[in-house]
Amino acid sequence: MREYQKAFQAMLEENKELFNTFKAVHDAYMINPEANKEKFNEIGATVVDIVRETERRLCAQMGKSVYSKFSHRLSEKFWEQVRTMFPKIDFVGVR
């Protein structure tokens, strides 16, 4: 398992209840965006903060080393992993 996959799994395990709640809201948002927009944005803001913090921790050490040019790609792969589970996560906070 790759490092970004491990970080993703650890993030889900550490915040299991929050991510389970967000998954239900996210799925409801995909079916009916207008009716679920408020709750999606409310819970989604917290989820996005956690995802960004995990991304920062994942890429922090790499950015300081000779492999800093790969840090961007690692970040992209991590977000791709997030988007496979939550395809609409980029819509959090969009009006």
PDB file of N, CA and C in Angstrom:
ATOM      1  N   MET A   1       0.844  -1.174   0.000  1.00  0.00           N
ATOM      2  CA  MET A   1       0.000   0.000   0.000  1.00  0.00           C
ATOM      3  C   MET A   1       0.892   1.240   0.000  1.00  0.00           C
ATOM      4  N   ARG A   2       0.555   2.185  -0.826  1.00  0.00           N
ATOM      5  CA  ARG A   2       1.327   3.432  -0.933  1.00  0.00           C
ATOM      6  C   ARG A   2       1.104   4.324   0.287  1.00  0.00           C
ATOM      7  N   GLU A   3       2.015   5.268   0.467  1.00  0.00           N
ATOM      8  CA  GLU A   3       1.959   6.150   1.630  1.00  0.00           C
ATOM      9  C   GLU A   3       0.682   7.002   1.641  1.00  0.00           C
ATOM     10  N   TYR A   4       0.271   7.523   0.483  1.00  0.00           N
ATOM     11  CA  TYR A   4      -0.940   8.344   0.446  1.00  0.00           C
ATOM     12  C   TYR A   4      -2.187   7.501   0.747  1.00  0.00           C
ATOM     13  N   GLN A   5      -2.159   6.224   0.374  1.00  0.00           N
ATOM     14  CA  GLN A   5      -3.278   5.337   0.683  1.00  0.00           C
ATOM     15  C   GLN A   5      -3.341   5.040   2.177  1.00  0.00           C
ATOM     16  N   LYS A   6      -2.168   4.879   2.783  1.00  0.00           N
ATOM     17  CA  LYS A   6      -2.111   4.668   4.230  1.00  0.00           C
ATOM     18  C   LYS A   6      -2.634   5.897   4.969  1.00  0.00           C
ATOM     19  N   ALA A   7      -2.226   7.074   4.504  1.00  0.00           N
ATOM     20  CA  ALA A   7      -2.682   8.319   5.129  1.00  0.00           C
ATOM     21  C   ALA A   7      -4.197   8.462   4.989  1.00  0.00           C
ATOM     22  N   PHE A   8      -4.726   8.097   3.832  1.00  0.00           N
ATOM     23  CA  PHE A   8      -6.164   8.165   3.597  1.00  0.00           C
ATOM     24  C   PHE A   8      -6.917   7.226   4.537  1.00  0.00           C
ATOM     25  N   GLN A   9      -6.449   5.993   4.645  1.00  0.00           N
ATOM     26  CA  GLN A   9      -7.091   5.019   5.529  1.00  0.00           C
ATOM     27  C   GLN A   9      -7.012   5.452   6.989  1.00  0.00           C
ATOM     28  N   ALA A  10      -5.866   5.980   7.389  1.00  0.00           N
ATOM     29  CA  ALA A  10      -5.700   6.445   8.771  1.00  0.00           C
ATOM     30  C   ALA A  10      -6.651   7.612   9.053  1.00  0.00           C
ATOM     31  N   MET A  11      -6.794   8.510   8.092  1.00  0.00           N
ATOM     32  CA  MET A  11      -7.694   9.653   8.243  1.00  0.00           C
ATOM     33  C   MET A  11      -9.133   9.164   8.433  1.00  0.00           C
ATOM     34  N   LEU A  12      -9.541   8.185   7.632  1.00  0.00           N
ATOM     35  CA  LEU A  12     -10.897   7.648   7.747  1.00  0.00           C
ATOM     36  C   LEU A  12     -11.112   6.964   9.092  1.00  0.00           C
ATOM     37  N   GLU A  13     -10.122   6.213   9.561  1.00  0.00           N
ATOM     38  CA  GLU A  13     -10.240   5.504  10.832  1.00  0.00           C
ATOM     39  C   GLU A  13     -10.283   6.468  12.014  1.00  0.00           C
ATOM     40  N   GLU A  14      -9.468   7.508  11.979  1.00  0.00           N
ATOM     41  CA  GLU A  14      -9.411   8.465  13.084  1.00  0.00           C
ATOM     42  C   GLU A  14     -10.708   9.258  13.218  1.00  0.00           C
ATOM     43  N   ASN A  15     -11.392   9.463  12.104  1.00  0.00           N
ATOM     44  CA  ASN A  15     -12.613  10.277  12.091  1.00  0.00           C
ATOM     45  C   ASN A  15     -13.787   9.475  11.521  1.00  0.00           C
ATOM     46  N   LYS A  16     -13.879   8.251  11.923  1.00  0.00           N
ATOM     47  CA  LYS A  16     -14.845   7.309  11.336  1.00  0.00           C
ATOM     48  C   LYS A  16     -16.288   7.817  11.396  1.00  0.00           C
ATOM     49  N   GLU A  17     -16.709   8.289  12.544  1.00  0.00           N
ATOM     50  CA  GLU A  17     -18.093   8.747  12.707  1.00  0.00           C
ATOM     51  C   GLU A  17     -18.396   9.945  11.796  1.00  0.00           C
ATOM     52  N   LEU A  18     -17.486  10.901  11.757  1.00  0.00           N
ATOM     53  CA  LEU A  18     -17.675  12.087  10.910  1.00  0.00           C
ATOM     54  C   LEU A  18     -17.754  11.705   9.432  1.00  0.00           C
ATOM     55  N   PHE A  19     -16.856  10.854   8.982  1.00  0.00           N
ATOM     56  CA  PHE A  19     -16.842  10.464   7.577  1.00  0.00           C
ATOM     57  C   PHE A  19     -18.054   9.600   7.213  1.00  0.00           C
ATOM     58  N   ASN A  20     -18.538   8.785   8.138  1.00  0.00           N
ATOM     59  CA  ASN A  20     -19.759   8.019   7.880  1.00  0.00           C
ATOM     60  C   ASN A  20     -20.961   8.944   7.744  1.00  0.00           C
ATOM     61  N   THR A  21     -21.034   9.946   8.603  1.00  0.00           N
ATOM     62  CA  THR A  21     -22.113  10.935   8.515  1.00  0.00           C
ATOM     63  C   THR A  21     -22.022  11.697   7.208  1.00  0.00           C
ATOM     64  N   PHE A  22     -20.805  12.119   6.854  1.00  0.00           N
ATOM     65  CA  PHE A  22     -20.626  12.876   5.621  1.00  0.00           C
ATOM     66  C   PHE A  22     -20.951  12.026   4.394  1.00  0.00           C
ATOM     67  N   LYS A  23     -20.637  10.749   4.425  1.00  0.00           N
ATOM     68  CA  LYS A  23     -20.939   9.859   3.298  1.00  0.00           C
ATOM     69  C   LYS A  23     -22.443   9.815   3.051  1.00  0.00           C
ATOM     70  N   ALA A  24     -23.230   9.718   4.120  1.00  0.00           N
ATOM     71  CA  ALA A  24     -24.686   9.698   3.983  1.00  0.00           C
ATOM     72  C   ALA A  24     -25.197  11.020   3.421  1.00  0.00           C
ATOM     73  N   VAL A  25     -24.683  12.124   3.950  1.00  0.00           N
ATOM     74  CA  VAL A  25     -25.092  13.454   3.462  1.00  0.00           C
ATOM     75  C   VAL A  25     -24.624  13.654   2.025  1.00  0.00           C
ATOM     76  N   HIS A  26     -23.426  13.221   1.722  1.00  0.00           N
ATOM     77  CA  HIS A  26     -22.871  13.348   0.373  1.00  0.00           C
ATOM     78  C   HIS A  26     -23.731  12.589  -0.639  1.00  0.00           C
ATOM     79  N   ASP A  27     -24.116  11.372  -0.293  1.00  0.00           N
ATOM     80  CA  ASP A  27     -24.953  10.578  -1.192  1.00  0.00           C
ATOM     81  C   ASP A  27     -26.324  11.226  -1.394  1.00  0.00           C
ATOM     82  N   ALA A  28     -26.871  11.795  -0.325  1.00  0.00           N
ATOM     83  CA  ALA A  28     -28.151  12.501  -0.442  1.00  0.00           C
ATOM     84  C   ALA A  28     -27.989  13.751  -1.306  1.00  0.00           C
ATOM     85  N   TYR A  29     -26.852  14.419  -1.171  1.00  0.00           N
ATOM     86  CA  TYR A  29     -26.577  15.617  -1.979  1.00  0.00           C
ATOM     87  C   TYR A  29     -26.467  15.264  -3.463  1.00  0.00           C
ATOM     88  N   MET A  30     -25.903  14.123  -3.766  1.00  0.00           N
ATOM     89  CA  MET A  30     -25.782  13.705  -5.162  1.00  0.00           C
ATOM     90  C   MET A  30     -27.155  13.468  -5.786  1.00  0.00           C
ATOM     91  N   ILE A  31     -28.104  12.997  -4.995  1.00  0.00           N
ATOM     92  CA  ILE A  31     -29.451  12.738  -5.491  1.00  0.00           C
ATOM     93  C   ILE A  31     -30.248  14.033  -5.617  1.00  0.00           C
ATOM     94  N   ASN A  32     -30.199  14.873  -4.589  1.00  0.00           N
ATOM     95  CA  ASN A  32     -30.969  16.113  -4.587  1.00  0.00           C
ATOM     96  C   ASN A  32     -30.129  17.240  -3.987  1.00  0.00           C
ATOM     97  N   PRO A  33     -29.332  17.932  -4.805  1.00  0.00           N
ATOM     98  CA  PRO A  33     -28.422  18.958  -4.294  1.00  0.00           C
ATOM     99  C   PRO A  33     -29.111  20.110  -3.555  1.00  0.00           C
ATOM    100  N   GLU A  34     -30.204  20.595  -4.070  1.00  0.00           N
ATOM    101  CA  GLU A  34     -30.859  21.762  -3.459  1.00  0.00           C
ATOM    102  C   GLU A  34     -31.384  21.464  -2.058  1.00  0.00           C
ATOM    103  N   ALA A  35     -31.951  20.314  -1.861  1.00  0.00           N
ATOM    104  CA  ALA A  35     -32.536  19.979  -0.567  1.00  0.00           C
ATOM    105  C   ALA A  35     -31.480  19.674   0.497  1.00  0.00           C
ATOM    106  N   ASN A  36     -30.301  19.255   0.090  1.00  0.00           N
ATOM    107  CA  ASN A  36     -29.270  18.827   1.038  1.00  0.00           C
ATOM    108  C   ASN A  36     -28.051  19.737   1.071  1.00  0.00           C
ATOM    109  N   LYS A  37     -28.140  20.865   0.401  1.00  0.00           N
ATOM    110  CA  LYS A  37     -26.987  21.765   0.256  1.00  0.00           C
ATOM    111  C   LYS A  37     -26.466  22.295   1.596  1.00  0.00           C
ATOM    112  N   GLU A  38     -27.363  22.724   2.461  1.00  0.00           N
ATOM    113  CA  GLU A  38     -26.950  23.340   3.720  1.00  0.00           C
ATOM    114  C   GLU A  38     -26.190  22.360   4.618  1.00  0.00           C
ATOM    115  N   LYS A  39     -26.759  21.187   4.803  1.00  0.00           N
ATOM    116  CA  LYS A  39     -26.108  20.179   5.650  1.00  0.00           C
ATOM    117  C   LYS A  39     -24.801  19.689   5.011  1.00  0.00           C
ATOM    118  N   PHE A  40     -24.804  19.544   3.689  1.00  0.00           N
ATOM    119  CA  PHE A  40     -23.609  19.130   2.950  1.00  0.00           C
ATOM    120  C   PHE A  40     -22.473  20.119   3.174  1.00  0.00           C
ATOM    121  N   ASN A  41     -22.772  21.406   3.085  1.00  0.00           N
ATOM    122  CA  ASN A  41     -21.743  22.431   3.283  1.00  0.00           C
ATOM    123  C   ASN A  41     -21.292  22.505   4.735  1.00  0.00           C
ATOM    124  N   GLU A  42     -22.220  22.339   5.653  1.00  0.00           N
ATOM    125  CA  GLU A  42     -21.895  22.417   7.077  1.00  0.00           C
ATOM    126  C   GLU A  42     -20.941  21.296   7.499  1.00  0.00           C
ATOM    127  N   ILE A  43     -21.304  20.072   7.210  1.00  0.00           N
ATOM    128  CA  ILE A  43     -20.460  18.928   7.580  1.00  0.00           C
ATOM    129  C   ILE A  43     -19.232  18.865   6.671  1.00  0.00           C
ATOM    130  N   GLY A  44     -19.423  19.210   5.405  1.00  0.00           N
ATOM    131  CA  GLY A  44     -18.335  19.169   4.434  1.00  0.00           C
ATOM    132  C   GLY A  44     -17.182  20.094   4.768  1.00  0.00           C
ATOM    133  N   ALA A  45     -17.476  21.237   5.377  1.00  0.00           N
ATOM    134  CA  ALA A  45     -16.408  22.178   5.748  1.00  0.00           C
ATOM    135  C   ALA A  45     -15.440  21.530   6.735  1.00  0.00           C
ATOM    136  N   THR A  46     -15.981  20.814   7.703  1.00  0.00           N
ATOM    137  CA  THR A  46     -15.141  20.119   8.674  1.00  0.00           C
ATOM    138  C   THR A  46     -14.346  19.004   8.006  1.00  0.00           C
ATOM    139  N   VAL A  47     -14.994  18.267   7.113  1.00  0.00           N
ATOM    140  CA  VAL A  47     -14.330  17.165   6.407  1.00  0.00           C
ATOM    141  C   VAL A  47     -13.190  17.691   5.548  1.00  0.00           C
ATOM    142  N   VAL A  48     -13.426  18.770   4.820  1.00  0.00           N
ATOM    143  CA  VAL A  48     -12.388  19.339   3.955  1.00  0.00           C
ATOM    144  C   VAL A  48     -11.199  19.818   4.791  1.00  0.00           C
ATOM    145  N   ASP A  49     -11.470  20.406   5.953  1.00  0.00           N
ATOM    146  CA  ASP A  49     -10.373  20.827   6.840  1.00  0.00           C
ATOM    147  C   ASP A  49      -9.523  19.636   7.267  1.00  0.00           C
ATOM    148  N   ILE A  50     -10.163  18.534   7.599  1.00  0.00           N
ATOM    149  CA  ILE A  50      -9.440  17.323   8.013  1.00  0.00           C
ATOM    150  C   ILE A  50      -8.631  16.758   6.843  1.00  0.00           C
ATOM    151  N   VAL A  51      -9.233  16.744   5.656  1.00  0.00           N
ATOM    152  CA  VAL A  51      -8.529  16.235   4.474  1.00  0.00           C
ATOM    153  C   VAL A  51      -7.315  17.102   4.170  1.00  0.00           C
ATOM    154  N   ARG A  52      -7.463  18.409   4.245  1.00  0.00           N
ATOM    155  CA  ARG A  52      -6.329  19.313   3.972  1.00  0.00           C
ATOM    156  C   ARG A  52      -5.229  19.162   5.009  1.00  0.00           C
ATOM    157  N   GLU A  53      -5.606  18.982   6.264  1.00  0.00           N
ATOM    158  CA  GLU A  53      -4.600  18.784   7.315  1.00  0.00           C
ATOM    159  C   GLU A  53      -3.833  17.484   7.086  1.00  0.00           C
ATOM    160  N   THR A  54      -4.537  16.437   6.710  1.00  0.00           N
ATOM    161  CA  THR A  54      -3.884  15.158   6.418  1.00  0.00           C
ATOM    162  C   THR A  54      -2.961  15.297   5.215  1.00  0.00           C
ATOM    163  N   GLU A  55      -3.417  16.022   4.204  1.00  0.00           N
ATOM    164  CA  GLU A  55      -2.582  16.261   3.016  1.00  0.00           C
ATOM    165  C   GLU A  55      -1.311  17.020   3.403  1.00  0.00           C
ATOM    166  N   ARG A  56      -1.453  18.026   4.251  1.00  0.00           N
ATOM    167  CA  ARG A  56      -0.275  18.799   4.692  1.00  0.00           C
ATOM    168  C   ARG A  56       0.721  17.917   5.423  1.00  0.00           C
ATOM    169  N   ARG A  57       0.218  17.076   6.325  1.00  0.00           N
ATOM    170  CA  ARG A  57       1.113  16.176   7.063  1.00  0.00           C
ATOM    171  C   ARG A  57       1.805  15.192   6.125  1.00  0.00           C
ATOM    172  N   LEU A  58       1.067  14.712   5.136  1.00  0.00           N
ATOM    173  CA  LEU A  58       1.608  13.749   4.185  1.00  0.00           C
ATOM    174  C   LEU A  58       2.728  14.362   3.349  1.00  0.00           C
ATOM    175  N   CYS A  59       2.533  15.580   2.909  1.00  0.00           N
ATOM    176  CA  CYS A  59       3.474  16.219   1.978  1.00  0.00           C
ATOM    177  C   CYS A  59       4.541  17.071   2.670  1.00  0.00           C
ATOM    178  N   ALA A  60       4.399  17.324   3.959  1.00  0.00           N
ATOM    179  CA  ALA A  60       5.305  18.247   4.660  1.00  0.00           C
ATOM    180  C   ALA A  60       6.761  17.812   4.607  1.00  0.00           C
ATOM    181  N   GLN A  61       7.032  16.592   4.960  1.00  0.00           N
ATOM    182  CA  GLN A  61       8.419  16.130   4.994  1.00  0.00           C
ATOM    183  C   GLN A  61       9.010  16.032   3.603  1.00  0.00           C
ATOM    184  N   MET A  62       8.196  15.662   2.640  1.00  0.00           N
ATOM    185  CA  MET A  62       8.692  15.533   1.279  1.00  0.00           C
ATOM    186  C   MET A  62       9.078  16.896   0.703  1.00  0.00           C
ATOM    187  N   GLY A  63       8.353  17.933   1.078  1.00  0.00           N
ATOM    188  CA  GLY A  63       8.628  19.272   0.570  1.00  0.00           C
ATOM    189  C   GLY A  63       9.971  19.815   1.012  1.00  0.00           C
ATOM    190  N   LYS A  64      10.506  19.284   2.091  1.00  0.00           N
ATOM    191  CA  LYS A  64      11.790  19.757   2.617  1.00  0.00           C
ATOM    192  C   LYS A  64      12.976  18.995   2.050  1.00  0.00           C
ATOM    193  N   SER A  65      12.715  17.912   1.355  1.00  0.00           N
ATOM    194  CA  SER A  65      13.808  17.059   0.895  1.00  0.00           C
ATOM    195  C   SER A  65      14.108  17.296  -0.584  1.00  0.00           C
ATOM    196  N   VAL A  66      14.995  16.490  -1.107  1.00  0.00           N
ATOM    197  CA  VAL A  66      15.365  16.588  -2.523  1.00  0.00           C
ATOM    198  C   VAL A  66      14.232  16.129  -3.424  1.00  0.00           C
ATOM    199  N   TYR A  67      13.193  15.516  -2.847  1.00  0.00           N
ATOM    200  CA  TYR A  67      12.060  15.026  -3.616  1.00  0.00           C
ATOM    201  C   TYR A  67      10.897  16.019  -3.632  1.00  0.00           C
ATOM    202  N   SER A  68      11.169  17.285  -3.362  1.00  0.00           N
ATOM    203  CA  SER A  68      10.092  18.261  -3.253  1.00  0.00           C
ATOM    204  C   SER A  68       9.291  18.409  -4.542  1.00  0.00           C
ATOM    205  N   LYS A  69       9.913  18.130  -5.683  1.00  0.00           N
ATOM    206  CA  LYS A  69       9.171  18.260  -6.938  1.00  0.00           C
ATOM    207  C   LYS A  69       8.087  17.181  -7.059  1.00  0.00           C
ATOM    208  N   PHE A  70       8.179  16.104  -6.282  1.00  0.00           N
ATOM    209  CA  PHE A  70       7.179  15.048  -6.309  1.00  0.00           C
ATOM    210  C   PHE A  70       6.036  15.298  -5.327  1.00  0.00           C
ATOM    211  N   SER A  71       6.184  16.291  -4.472  1.00  0.00           N
ATOM    212  CA  SER A  71       5.178  16.595  -3.466  1.00  0.00           C
ATOM    213  C   SER A  71       3.836  16.932  -4.107  1.00  0.00           C
ATOM    214  N   HIS A  72       3.851  17.666  -5.187  1.00  0.00           N
ATOM    215  CA  HIS A  72       2.615  18.049  -5.876  1.00  0.00           C
ATOM    216  C   HIS A  72       1.888  16.817  -6.408  1.00  0.00           C
ATOM    217  N   ARG A  73       2.633  15.898  -6.986  1.00  0.00           N
ATOM    218  CA  ARG A  73       2.015  14.674  -7.508  1.00  0.00           C
ATOM    219  C   ARG A  73       1.432  13.805  -6.390  1.00  0.00           C
ATOM    220  N   LEU A  74       2.122  13.760  -5.280  1.00  0.00           N
ATOM    221  CA  LEU A  74       1.631  13.017  -4.132  1.00  0.00           C
ATOM    222  C   LEU A  74       0.317  13.612  -3.642  1.00  0.00           C
ATOM    223  N   SER A  75       0.258  14.922  -3.593  1.00  0.00           N
ATOM    224  CA  SER A  75      -0.962  15.609  -3.195  1.00  0.00           C
ATOM    225  C   SER A  75      -2.108  15.300  -4.150  1.00  0.00           C
ATOM    226  N   GLU A  76      -1.829  15.300  -5.431  1.00  0.00           N
ATOM    227  CA  GLU A  76      -2.857  14.990  -6.431  1.00  0.00           C
ATOM    228  C   GLU A  76      -3.381  13.556  -6.262  1.00  0.00           C
ATOM    229  N   LYS A  77      -2.474  12.628  -6.024  1.00  0.00           N
ATOM    230  CA  LYS A  77      -2.886  11.235  -5.842  1.00  0.00           C
ATOM    231  C   LYS A  77      -3.737  11.074  -4.582  1.00  0.00           C
ATOM    232  N   PHE A  78      -3.374  11.790  -3.537  1.00  0.00           N
ATOM    233  CA  PHE A  78      -4.153  11.745  -2.306  1.00  0.00           C
ATOM    234  C   PHE A  78      -5.565  12.264  -2.548  1.00  0.00           C
ATOM    235  N   TRP A  79      -5.690  13.409  -3.244  1.00  0.00           N
ATOM    236  CA  TRP A  79      -7.009  13.973  -3.529  1.00  0.00           C
ATOM    237  C   TRP A  79      -7.801  13.084  -4.477  1.00  0.00           C
ATOM    238  N   GLU A  80      -7.144  12.404  -5.395  1.00  0.00           N
ATOM    239  CA  GLU A  80      -7.853  11.453  -6.265  1.00  0.00           C
ATOM    240  C   GLU A  80      -8.475  10.336  -5.420  1.00  0.00           C
ATOM    241  N   GLN A  81      -7.736   9.888  -4.421  1.00  0.00           N
ATOM    242  CA  GLN A  81      -8.235   8.858  -3.515  1.00  0.00           C
ATOM    243  C   GLN A  81      -9.469   9.370  -2.765  1.00  0.00           C
ATOM    244  N   VAL A  82      -9.419  10.619  -2.310  1.00  0.00           N
ATOM    245  CA  VAL A  82     -10.551  11.226  -1.614  1.00  0.00           C
ATOM    246  C   VAL A  82     -11.748  11.322  -2.559  1.00  0.00           C
ATOM    247  N   ARG A  83     -11.485  11.750  -3.798  1.00  0.00           N
ATOM    248  CA  ARG A  83     -12.581  11.929  -4.763  1.00  0.00           C
ATOM    249  C   ARG A  83     -13.207  10.615  -5.218  1.00  0.00           C
ATOM    250  N   THR A  84     -12.496   9.507  -5.093  1.00  0.00           N
ATOM    251  CA  THR A  84     -13.122   8.229  -5.434  1.00  0.00           C
ATOM    252  C   THR A  84     -14.229   7.896  -4.437  1.00  0.00           C
ATOM    253  N   MET A  85     -14.055   8.307  -3.195  1.00  0.00           N
ATOM    254  CA  MET A  85     -15.063   8.049  -2.174  1.00  0.00           C
ATOM    255  C   MET A  85     -16.122   9.153  -2.133  1.00  0.00           C
ATOM    256  N   PHE A  86     -15.685  10.389  -2.354  1.00  0.00           N
ATOM    257  CA  PHE A  86     -16.577  11.556  -2.295  1.00  0.00           C
ATOM    258  C   PHE A  86     -16.432  12.384  -3.575  1.00  0.00           C
ATOM    259  N   PRO A  87     -17.079  11.987  -4.660  1.00  0.00           N
ATOM    260  CA  PRO A  87     -16.903  12.686  -5.944  1.00  0.00           C
ATOM    261  C   PRO A  87     -17.304  14.164  -5.923  1.00  0.00           C
ATOM    262  N   LYS A  88     -18.221  14.541  -5.052  1.00  0.00           N
ATOM    263  CA  LYS A  88     -18.703  15.924  -5.008  1.00  0.00           C
ATOM    264  C   LYS A  88     -18.025  16.766  -3.929  1.00  0.00           C
ATOM    265  N   ILE A  89     -16.916  16.315  -3.377  1.00  0.00           N
ATOM    266  CA  ILE A  89     -16.270  17.047  -2.285  1.00  0.00           C
ATOM    267  C   ILE A  89     -15.801  18.430  -2.740  1.00  0.00           C
ATOM    268  N   ASP A  90     -15.528  18.598  -4.007  1.00  0.00           N
ATOM    269  CA  ASP A  90     -15.102  19.900  -4.515  1.00  0.00           C
ATOM    270  C   ASP A  90     -16.222  20.928  -4.493  1.00  0.00           C
ATOM    271  N   PHE A  91     -17.451  20.496  -4.288  1.00  0.00           N
ATOM    272  CA  PHE A  91     -18.598  21.401  -4.256  1.00  0.00           C
ATOM    273  C   PHE A  91     -18.911  21.900  -2.848  1.00  0.00           C
ATOM    274  N   VAL A  92     -18.141  21.513  -1.861  1.00  0.00           N
ATOM    275  CA  VAL A  92     -18.352  21.985  -0.503  1.00  0.00           C
ATOM    276  C   VAL A  92     -18.074  23.484  -0.461  1.00  0.00           C
ATOM    277  N   GLY A  93     -19.047  24.241  -0.009  1.00  0.00           N
ATOM    278  CA  GLY A  93     -18.890  25.694   0.101  1.00  0.00           C
ATOM    279  C   GLY A  93     -19.235  26.468  -1.156  1.00  0.00           C
ATOM    280  N   VAL A  94     -19.544  25.786  -2.245  1.00  0.00           N
ATOM    281  CA  VAL A  94     -19.900  26.466  -3.487  1.00  0.00           C
ATOM    282  C   VAL A  94     -21.336  26.942  -3.394  1.00  0.00           C
ATOM    283  N   ARG A  95     -21.568  28.156  -3.812  1.00  0.00           N
ATOM    284  CA  ARG A  95     -22.929  28.703  -3.765  1.00  0.00           C
ATOM    285  C   ARG A  95     -23.545  28.728  -5.124  1.00  0.00           C
TER     286      ARG A  95
END
